[in-house]
Amino acid sequence: MATLYEKLGGEKAIAAVVNEFYDRMIKDEQVSHYFRYTDMDKLRKHQISYFMSYALGGPHKYEGATLRESHKGMNITHEHYEIAIKHLNGALRKYNVPLEDRVKVEAFLRSVKPHIINK
Protein backbone atom coordinates (compact mmCIF):
# COMPACT_ATOMS: atom_id res chain seq x y z
CA MET A 1 0.00 0.00 0.00
CA ALA A 2 1.41 3.37 -1.02
CA THR A 3 2.19 5.98 1.61
CA LEU A 4 0.56 9.38 1.37
CA TYR A 5 3.99 10.71 0.37
CA GLU A 6 4.01 8.35 -2.63
CA LYS A 7 0.37 9.01 -3.51
CA LEU A 8 0.99 12.76 -3.60
CA GLY A 9 3.89 12.33 -6.00
CA GLY A 10 7.03 12.35 -3.88
CA GLU A 11 9.45 15.12 -3.03
CA LYS A 12 8.88 17.28 -6.11
CA ALA A 13 5.11 17.34 -5.63
CA ILE A 14 5.41 17.91 -1.87
CA ALA A 15 7.80 20.82 -2.55
CA ALA A 16 5.26 22.41 -4.90
CA VAL A 17 2.49 22.15 -2.29
CA VAL A 18 4.70 23.47 0.53
CA ASN A 19 5.86 26.41 -1.58
CA GLU A 20 2.29 27.25 -2.58
CA PHE A 21 1.22 27.03 1.07
CA TYR A 22 3.88 29.50 2.21
CA ASP A 23 3.16 31.82 -0.70
CA ARG A 24 -0.45 31.93 0.50
CA MET A 25 0.54 32.43 4.14
CA ILE A 26 2.91 35.29 3.34
CA LYS A 27 0.23 37.07 1.27
CA ASP A 28 -2.37 36.75 4.05
CA GLU A 29 -2.19 39.84 6.28
CA GLN A 30 -3.75 37.91 9.17
CA VAL A 31 -0.80 35.53 9.45
CA SER A 32 2.09 37.02 7.47
CA HIS A 33 3.55 38.59 10.61
CA TYR A 34 4.64 35.14 11.80
CA PHE A 35 7.17 35.05 8.96
CA ARG A 36 8.50 38.62 9.17
CA TYR A 37 11.91 37.61 10.55
CA THR A 38 12.06 34.09 9.12
CA ASP A 39 14.52 32.70 6.60
CA MET A 40 11.82 31.43 4.24
CA ASP A 41 14.18 29.35 2.08
CA LYS A 42 15.37 27.48 5.16
CA LEU A 43 11.81 27.08 6.47
CA ARG A 44 10.50 25.79 3.13
CA LYS A 45 13.31 23.22 2.86
CA HIS A 46 12.73 22.13 6.45
CA GLN A 47 9.00 21.72 5.92
CA ILE A 48 9.49 19.72 2.76
CA SER A 49 11.68 17.28 4.71
CA TYR A 50 9.28 17.38 7.65
CA PHE A 51 6.27 16.62 5.47
CA MET A 52 8.10 13.84 3.69
CA SER A 53 9.46 12.22 6.79
CA TYR A 54 6.80 12.55 9.43
CA ALA A 55 3.42 13.63 8.15
CA LEU A 56 3.33 11.78 4.86
CA GLY A 57 5.44 8.68 5.40
CA GLY A 58 8.36 9.68 3.19
CA PRO A 59 11.83 8.16 3.18
CA HIS A 60 13.64 10.77 5.31
CA LYS A 61 13.84 10.60 9.09
CA TYR A 62 12.96 13.87 10.83
CA GLU A 63 15.57 15.21 13.20
CA GLY A 64 15.11 18.60 14.74
CA ALA A 65 13.17 20.59 17.28
CA THR A 66 9.81 19.33 18.42
CA LEU A 67 6.71 21.14 17.18
CA ARG A 68 6.26 22.64 20.64
CA GLU A 69 9.86 23.90 20.73
CA SER A 70 9.85 25.32 17.22
CA HIS A 71 6.58 27.23 17.76
CA LYS A 72 7.32 28.41 21.31
CA GLY A 73 6.72 32.11 21.83
CA MET A 74 4.98 32.60 18.50
CA ASN A 75 1.58 32.96 20.19
CA ILE A 76 -0.24 31.18 17.39
CA THR A 77 -3.97 31.40 17.98
CA HIS A 78 -6.67 28.87 17.14
CA GLU A 79 -7.95 31.25 14.48
CA HIS A 80 -4.53 31.58 12.85
CA TYR A 81 -4.04 27.82 12.91
CA GLU A 82 -7.35 27.42 11.09
CA ILE A 83 -6.16 29.93 8.49
CA ALA A 84 -3.05 27.81 7.98
CA ILE A 85 -5.19 24.68 7.49
CA LYS A 86 -7.34 26.59 4.98
CA HIS A 87 -4.26 27.67 3.02
CA LEU A 88 -2.78 24.18 3.01
CA ASN A 89 -6.07 22.77 1.77
CA GLY A 90 -6.05 25.40 -0.98
CA ALA A 91 -2.51 24.44 -1.97
CA LEU A 92 -3.44 20.75 -2.03
CA ARG A 93 -6.52 21.51 -4.17
CA LYS A 94 -4.41 23.57 -6.59
CA TYR A 95 -2.31 20.47 -7.24
CA ASN A 96 -5.39 18.24 -7.59
CA VAL A 97 -4.80 16.20 -4.45
CA PRO A 98 -7.90 14.01 -3.99
CA LEU A 99 -10.29 14.82 -1.17
CA GLU A 100 -9.51 11.56 0.63
CA ASP A 101 -5.82 12.52 0.84
CA ARG A 102 -6.54 16.14 1.79
CA VAL A 103 -8.64 14.83 4.67
CA LYS A 104 -5.71 12.68 5.86
CA VAL A 105 -3.35 15.67 5.79
CA GLU A 106 -5.88 17.81 7.65
CA ALA A 107 -6.42 15.07 10.25
CA PHE A 108 -2.67 15.01 10.87
CA LEU A 109 -2.60 18.81 11.25
CA ARG A 110 -5.46 18.66 13.73
CA SER A 111 -3.69 15.93 15.71
CA VAL A 112 -0.62 18.14 16.23
CA LYS A 113 -2.54 21.36 16.87
CA PRO A 114 -2.14 21.17 20.70
CA HIS A 115 1.64 21.19 20.22
CA ILE A 116 1.58 24.37 18.13
CA ILE A 117 -1.14 26.60 19.61
CA ASN A 118 0.24 28.94 22.26
CA LYS A 119 -2.95 30.74 23.18
C-alpha atoms as a PDB file:
ATOM      1  CA  MET A   1       0.000   0.000   0.000  1.00  0.00           C
ATOM      2  CA  ALA A   2       1.407   3.371  -1.020  1.00  0.00           C
ATOM      3  CA  THR A   3       2.190   5.985   1.610  1.00  0.00           C
ATOM      4  CA  LEU A   4       0.563   9.379   1.367  1.00  0.00           C
ATOM      5  CA  TYR A   5       3.988  10.710   0.368  1.00  0.00           C
ATOM      6  CA  GLU A   6       4.015   8.348  -2.635  1.00  0.00           C
ATOM      7  CA  LYS A   7       0.369   9.005  -3.507  1.00  0.00           C
ATOM      8  CA  LEU A   8       0.986  12.764  -3.598  1.00  0.00           C
ATOM      9  CA  GLY A   9       3.889  12.332  -5.999  1.00  0.00           C
ATOM     10  CA  GLY A  10       7.026  12.347  -3.881  1.00  0.00           C
ATOM     11  CA  GLU A  11       9.448  15.120  -3.034  1.00  0.00           C
ATOM     12  CA  LYS A  12       8.880  17.279  -6.109  1.00  0.00           C
ATOM     13  CA  ALA A  13       5.106  17.341  -5.629  1.00  0.00           C
ATOM     14  CA  ILE A  14       5.413  17.914  -1.872  1.00  0.00           C
ATOM     15  CA  ALA A  15       7.799  20.817  -2.549  1.00  0.00           C
ATOM     16  CA  ALA A  16       5.257  22.411  -4.897  1.00  0.00           C
ATOM     17  CA  VAL A  17       2.491  22.150  -2.287  1.00  0.00           C
ATOM     18  CA  VAL A  18       4.702  23.470   0.533  1.00  0.00           C
ATOM     19  CA  ASN A  19       5.862  26.412  -1.585  1.00  0.00           C
ATOM     20  CA  GLU A  20       2.291  27.249  -2.581  1.00  0.00           C
ATOM     21  CA  PHE A  21       1.221  27.029   1.069  1.00  0.00           C
ATOM     22  CA  TYR A  22       3.880  29.497   2.214  1.00  0.00           C
ATOM     23  CA  ASP A  23       3.155  31.824  -0.700  1.00  0.00           C
ATOM     24  CA  ARG A  24      -0.453  31.934   0.499  1.00  0.00           C
ATOM     25  CA  MET A  25       0.540  32.431   4.142  1.00  0.00           C
ATOM     26  CA  ILE A  26       2.908  35.294   3.340  1.00  0.00           C
ATOM     27  CA  LYS A  27       0.232  37.065   1.271  1.00  0.00           C
ATOM     28  CA  ASP A  28      -2.373  36.753   4.046  1.00  0.00           C
ATOM     29  CA  GLU A  29      -2.187  39.840   6.280  1.00  0.00           C
ATOM     30  CA  GLN A  30      -3.753  37.911   9.169  1.00  0.00           C
ATOM     31  CA  VAL A  31      -0.795  35.528   9.448  1.00  0.00           C
ATOM     32  CA  SER A  32       2.092  37.022   7.470  1.00  0.00           C
ATOM     33  CA  HIS A  33       3.554  38.591  10.610  1.00  0.00           C
ATOM     34  CA  TYR A  34       4.635  35.143  11.804  1.00  0.00           C
ATOM     35  CA  PHE A  35       7.168  35.055   8.963  1.00  0.00           C
ATOM     36  CA  ARG A  36       8.503  38.623   9.170  1.00  0.00           C
ATOM     37  CA  TYR A  37      11.909  37.606  10.547  1.00  0.00           C
ATOM     38  CA  THR A  38      12.056  34.095   9.116  1.00  0.00           C
ATOM     39  CA  ASP A  39      14.518  32.698   6.598  1.00  0.00           C
ATOM     40  CA  MET A  40      11.823  31.432   4.242  1.00  0.00           C
ATOM     41  CA  ASP A  41      14.177  29.348   2.079  1.00  0.00           C
ATOM     42  CA  LYS A  42      15.366  27.476   5.164  1.00  0.00           C
ATOM     43  CA  LEU A  43      11.808  27.080   6.468  1.00  0.00           C
ATOM     44  CA  ARG A  44      10.498  25.790   3.134  1.00  0.00           C
ATOM     45  CA  LYS A  45      13.307  23.221   2.863  1.00  0.00           C
ATOM     46  CA  HIS A  46      12.730  22.127   6.451  1.00  0.00           C
ATOM     47  CA  GLN A  47       8.997  21.720   5.921  1.00  0.00           C
ATOM     48  CA  ILE A  48       9.493  19.725   2.756  1.00  0.00           C
ATOM     49  CA  SER A  49      11.676  17.280   4.711  1.00  0.00           C
ATOM     50  CA  TYR A  50       9.279  17.385   7.653  1.00  0.00           C
ATOM     51  CA  PHE A  51       6.266  16.618   5.466  1.00  0.00           C
ATOM     52  CA  MET A  52       8.097  13.841   3.688  1.00  0.00           C
ATOM     53  CA  SER A  53       9.458  12.221   6.792  1.00  0.00           C
ATOM     54  CA  TYR A  54       6.798  12.546   9.431  1.00  0.00           C
ATOM     55  CA  ALA A  55       3.416  13.634   8.153  1.00  0.00           C
ATOM     56  CA  LEU A  56       3.334  11.779   4.859  1.00  0.00           C
ATOM     57  CA  GLY A  57       5.440   8.683   5.402  1.00  0.00           C
ATOM     58  CA  GLY A  58       8.360   9.685   3.192  1.00  0.00           C
ATOM     59  CA  PRO A  59      11.835   8.164   3.183  1.00  0.00           C
ATOM     60  CA  HIS A  60      13.642  10.772   5.310  1.00  0.00           C
ATOM     61  CA  LYS A  61      13.841  10.604   9.092  1.00  0.00           C
ATOM     62  CA  TYR A  62      12.961  13.869  10.827  1.00  0.00           C
ATOM     63  CA  GLU A  63      15.570  15.207  13.196  1.00  0.00           C
ATOM     64  CA  GLY A  64      15.112  18.598  14.742  1.00  0.00           C
ATOM     65  CA  ALA A  65      13.170  20.595  17.279  1.00  0.00           C
ATOM     66  CA  THR A  66       9.807  19.328  18.420  1.00  0.00           C
ATOM     67  CA  LEU A  67       6.710  21.142  17.184  1.00  0.00           C
ATOM     68  CA  ARG A  68       6.259  22.635  20.636  1.00  0.00           C
ATOM     69  CA  GLU A  69       9.861  23.900  20.735  1.00  0.00           C
ATOM     70  CA  SER A  70       9.853  25.318  17.223  1.00  0.00           C
ATOM     71  CA  HIS A  71       6.582  27.230  17.761  1.00  0.00           C
ATOM     72  CA  LYS A  72       7.316  28.408  21.311  1.00  0.00           C
ATOM     73  CA  GLY A  73       6.717  32.110  21.831  1.00  0.00           C
ATOM     74  CA  MET A  74       4.978  32.600  18.504  1.00  0.00           C
ATOM     75  CA  ASN A  75       1.575  32.963  20.192  1.00  0.00           C
ATOM     76  CA  ILE A  76      -0.239  31.180  17.393  1.00  0.00           C
ATOM     77  CA  THR A  77      -3.975  31.405  17.981  1.00  0.00           C
ATOM     78  CA  HIS A  78      -6.672  28.868  17.143  1.00  0.00           C
ATOM     79  CA  GLU A  79      -7.947  31.255  14.478  1.00  0.00           C
ATOM     80  CA  HIS A  80      -4.528  31.577  12.854  1.00  0.00           C
ATOM     81  CA  TYR A  81      -4.044  27.825  12.911  1.00  0.00           C
ATOM     82  CA  GLU A  82      -7.353  27.420  11.091  1.00  0.00           C
ATOM     83  CA  ILE A  83      -6.161  29.934   8.491  1.00  0.00           C
ATOM     84  CA  ALA A  84      -3.049  27.807   7.978  1.00  0.00           C
ATOM     85  CA  ILE A  85      -5.190  24.685   7.486  1.00  0.00           C
ATOM     86  CA  LYS A  86      -7.340  26.589   4.980  1.00  0.00           C
ATOM     87  CA  HIS A  87      -4.257  27.675   3.019  1.00  0.00           C
ATOM     88  CA  LEU A  88      -2.779  24.178   3.012  1.00  0.00           C
ATOM     89  CA  ASN A  89      -6.069  22.765   1.766  1.00  0.00           C
ATOM     90  CA  GLY A  90      -6.054  25.397  -0.978  1.00  0.00           C
ATOM     91  CA  ALA A  91      -2.513  24.444  -1.971  1.00  0.00           C
ATOM     92  CA  LEU A  92      -3.440  20.754  -2.032  1.00  0.00           C
ATOM     93  CA  ARG A  93      -6.516  21.512  -4.169  1.00  0.00           C
ATOM     94  CA  LYS A  94      -4.407  23.574  -6.595  1.00  0.00           C
ATOM     95  CA  TYR A  95      -2.309  20.473  -7.238  1.00  0.00           C
ATOM     96  CA  ASN A  96      -5.385  18.245  -7.589  1.00  0.00           C
ATOM     97  CA  VAL A  97      -4.804  16.205  -4.453  1.00  0.00           C
ATOM     98  CA  PRO A  98      -7.899  14.007  -3.992  1.00  0.00           C
ATOM     99  CA  LEU A  99     -10.291  14.824  -1.167  1.00  0.00           C
ATOM    100  CA  GLU A 100      -9.506  11.556   0.631  1.00  0.00           C
ATOM    101  CA  ASP A 101      -5.818  12.516   0.841  1.00  0.00           C
ATOM    102  CA  ARG A 102      -6.543  16.140   1.790  1.00  0.00           C
ATOM    103  CA  VAL A 103      -8.643  14.827   4.667  1.00  0.00           C
ATOM    104  CA  LYS A 104      -5.713  12.684   5.862  1.00  0.00           C
ATOM    105  CA  VAL A 105      -3.353  15.668   5.786  1.00  0.00           C
ATOM    106  CA  GLU A 106      -5.881  17.806   7.652  1.00  0.00           C
ATOM    107  CA  ALA A 107      -6.415  15.070  10.249  1.00  0.00           C
ATOM    108  CA  PHE A 108      -2.667  15.013  10.869  1.00  0.00           C
ATOM    109  CA  LEU A 109      -2.601  18.812  11.251  1.00  0.00           C
ATOM    110  CA  ARG A 110      -5.460  18.665  13.726  1.00  0.00           C
ATOM    111  CA  SER A 111      -3.692  15.933  15.708  1.00  0.00           C
ATOM    112  CA  VAL A 112      -0.621  18.142  16.234  1.00  0.00           C
ATOM    113  CA  LYS A 113      -2.538  21.359  16.874  1.00  0.00           C
ATOM    114  CA  PRO A 114      -2.140  21.166  20.696  1.00  0.00           C
ATOM    115  CA  HIS A 115       1.637  21.186  20.223  1.00  0.00           C
ATOM    116  CA  ILE A 116       1.583  24.369  18.127  1.00  0.00           C
ATOM    117  CA  ILE A 117      -1.136  26.595  19.615  1.00  0.00           C
ATOM    118  CA  ASN A 118       0.244  28.936  22.262  1.00  0.00           C
ATOM    119  CA  LYS A 119      -2.950  30.745  23.183  1.00  0.00           C
END
